[in-house]
Amino acid sequence: MLKSLFSSPRASVLEQSLAAASLRHKIISNNIANVNTPNFKKSEVVFESFLQNALNENKLALANTNNKHISLKQSLVSSKPQVSTVTNTTMRTDGNNVDIDVEMAELAKNNIYYNAVAQQLGNYFSGLKSVINEGKR
């Protein structure tokens, strides 16, 4: 019972989103740190498109009435963030393609995204806590 409470598809998606945002923060920070490194190529994290594709595959709600049924979680587990290096652009004559203004904007955007996902995960667990506490009365 406890395992099913904490391994719901919603909690799984939110957890993966937090992990992707954390990885994105590290990658953007690395890009910013190397803004003056000659021939450095920036990296990006790709996650939301993979997650969207996984969610679109499961538009029909699946009812798990038997342990052998296919669950929504199985396809969402494959939605892992991937890091890709952008090699097809060069911003400057030294071969570096990091634009500090773009990276700072992406960092701010990622910070807002992370906080929103963390709040949603907190709301999910607050709802569970409320249900559990109301059951005690």
Protein backbone atom coordinates (compact mmCIF):
# COMPACT_ATOMS: atom_id res chain seq x y z
CA MET A 1 0.00 0.00 0.00
CA LEU A 2 2.73 2.48 0.96
CA LYS A 3 4.70 1.66 -2.16
CA SER A 4 1.72 2.55 -4.35
CA LEU A 5 1.27 5.89 -2.57
CA PHE A 6 4.81 7.04 -3.26
CA SER A 7 5.23 5.48 -6.69
CA SER A 8 2.21 7.00 -8.38
CA PRO A 9 2.60 8.20 -11.99
CA ARG A 10 2.14 11.81 -10.86
CA ALA A 11 4.90 11.58 -8.24
CA SER A 12 7.14 9.78 -10.75
CA VAL A 13 6.72 12.49 -13.40
CA LEU A 14 7.34 15.25 -10.87
CA GLU A 15 10.41 13.47 -9.51
CA GLN A 16 11.85 13.02 -13.01
CA SER A 17 11.11 16.67 -13.79
CA LEU A 18 13.01 17.78 -10.68
CA ALA A 19 15.96 15.59 -11.65
CA ALA A 20 15.96 17.03 -15.18
CA ALA A 21 15.81 20.61 -13.86
CA SER A 22 18.69 19.89 -11.48
CA LEU A 23 20.77 18.45 -14.32
CA ARG A 24 19.87 21.42 -16.53
CA HIS A 25 21.05 23.79 -13.78
CA LYS A 26 24.43 22.01 -13.67
CA ILE A 27 24.78 22.12 -17.45
CA ILE A 28 23.86 25.81 -17.68
CA SER A 29 26.27 26.60 -14.84
CA ASN A 30 29.02 24.75 -16.71
CA ASN A 31 28.20 26.73 -19.86
CA ILE A 32 28.42 30.00 -17.92
CA ALA A 33 31.70 28.96 -16.28
CA ASN A 34 33.20 28.30 -19.71
CA VAL A 35 31.97 31.45 -21.42
CA ASN A 36 35.57 32.57 -22.07
CA THR A 37 37.07 29.16 -22.86
CA PRO A 38 38.27 28.98 -26.47
CA ASN A 39 36.56 26.30 -28.61
CA PHE A 40 34.11 25.40 -25.83
CA LYS A 41 30.75 24.18 -27.13
CA LYS A 42 27.70 24.62 -24.93
CA SER A 43 25.50 21.74 -23.85
CA GLU A 44 21.73 21.51 -23.43
CA VAL A 45 19.41 19.16 -21.57
CA VAL A 46 16.56 17.59 -23.53
CA PHE A 47 13.76 16.23 -21.35
CA GLU A 48 10.37 17.86 -21.81
CA SER A 49 9.91 16.60 -25.37
CA PHE A 50 10.67 13.02 -24.27
CA LEU A 51 8.24 13.35 -21.38
CA GLN A 52 5.55 14.81 -23.65
CA ASN A 53 5.97 11.92 -26.10
CA ALA A 54 5.69 9.39 -23.26
CA LEU A 55 2.56 11.08 -21.93
CA ASN A 56 1.00 11.26 -25.42
CA GLU A 57 1.46 7.51 -25.82
CA ASN A 58 -0.78 7.02 -22.79
CA LYS A 59 -3.79 9.16 -23.67
CA LEU A 60 -6.16 6.36 -22.73
CA ALA A 61 -6.40 5.76 -19.02
CA LEU A 62 -5.21 2.29 -18.12
CA ALA A 63 -7.00 0.43 -15.37
CA ASN A 64 -4.71 -1.86 -13.39
CA THR A 65 -7.03 -4.55 -12.12
CA ASN A 66 -4.33 -7.21 -12.30
CA ASN A 67 -0.60 -7.12 -11.46
CA LYS A 68 0.18 -8.31 -14.99
CA HIS A 69 -1.46 -5.32 -16.66
CA ILE A 70 0.76 -2.73 -18.34
CA SER A 71 1.08 0.34 -16.17
CA LEU A 72 1.62 3.98 -17.08
CA LYS A 73 4.83 4.10 -15.04
CA GLN A 74 6.69 1.72 -17.33
CA SER A 75 6.71 4.08 -20.29
CA LEU A 76 7.44 7.13 -18.15
CA VAL A 77 10.56 5.54 -16.70
CA SER A 78 12.17 5.75 -20.14
CA SER A 79 11.77 9.55 -20.10
CA LYS A 80 15.28 10.30 -18.87
CA PRO A 81 16.95 13.65 -19.48
CA GLN A 82 19.69 13.64 -22.09
CA VAL A 83 22.58 16.04 -22.48
CA SER A 84 23.50 17.12 -26.00
CA THR A 85 26.35 19.33 -27.13
CA VAL A 86 25.56 22.10 -29.60
CA THR A 87 28.35 21.95 -32.17
CA ASN A 88 26.72 23.54 -35.22
CA THR A 89 27.10 27.17 -34.07
CA THR A 90 29.99 29.47 -33.21
CA MET A 91 29.34 32.81 -31.55
CA ARG A 92 32.86 34.20 -31.62
CA THR A 93 36.13 33.90 -33.52
CA ASP A 94 37.65 31.73 -30.76
CA GLY A 95 35.14 28.95 -31.54
CA ASN A 96 33.08 29.37 -28.36
CA ASN A 97 29.29 29.30 -28.84
CA VAL A 98 28.13 30.36 -25.35
CA ASP A 99 25.99 33.52 -25.23
CA ILE A 100 26.03 34.70 -21.61
CA ASP A 101 22.71 36.55 -21.96
CA VAL A 102 20.95 33.46 -23.29
CA GLU A 103 22.46 31.26 -20.59
CA MET A 104 21.44 33.64 -17.79
CA ALA A 105 17.88 33.78 -19.18
CA GLU A 106 17.80 29.96 -19.37
CA LEU A 107 19.08 29.76 -15.79
CA ALA A 108 16.28 32.06 -14.57
CA LYS A 109 13.70 30.09 -16.58
CA ASN A 110 14.98 26.80 -15.17
CA ASN A 111 14.87 28.19 -11.63
CA ILE A 112 11.20 29.10 -12.05
CA TYR A 113 10.48 25.67 -13.55
CA TYR A 114 12.26 23.86 -10.70
CA ASN A 115 10.40 25.84 -8.05
CA ALA A 116 7.04 25.19 -9.73
CA VAL A 117 7.66 21.45 -9.96
CA ALA A 118 8.91 21.32 -6.35
CA GLN A 119 5.74 23.13 -5.24
CA GLN A 120 3.57 20.65 -7.16
CA LEU A 121 5.39 17.71 -5.56
CA GLY A 122 4.96 19.33 -2.14
CA ASN A 123 1.25 19.81 -2.82
CA TYR A 124 0.95 16.14 -3.80
CA PHE A 125 2.52 14.97 -0.54
CA SER A 126 0.51 17.52 1.47
CA GLY A 127 -2.63 16.03 -0.05
CA LEU A 128 -1.52 12.55 0.96
CA LYS A 129 -0.75 13.78 4.47
CA SER A 130 -4.16 15.40 4.70
CA VAL A 131 -5.89 12.20 3.62
CA ILE A 132 -3.90 10.17 6.15
CA ASN A 133 -4.57 12.62 8.99
CA GLU A 134 -8.29 12.79 8.24
CA GLY A 135 -8.40 9.00 8.42
CA LYS A 136 -7.15 9.10 12.01
CA ARG A 137 -10.13 11.13 13.22
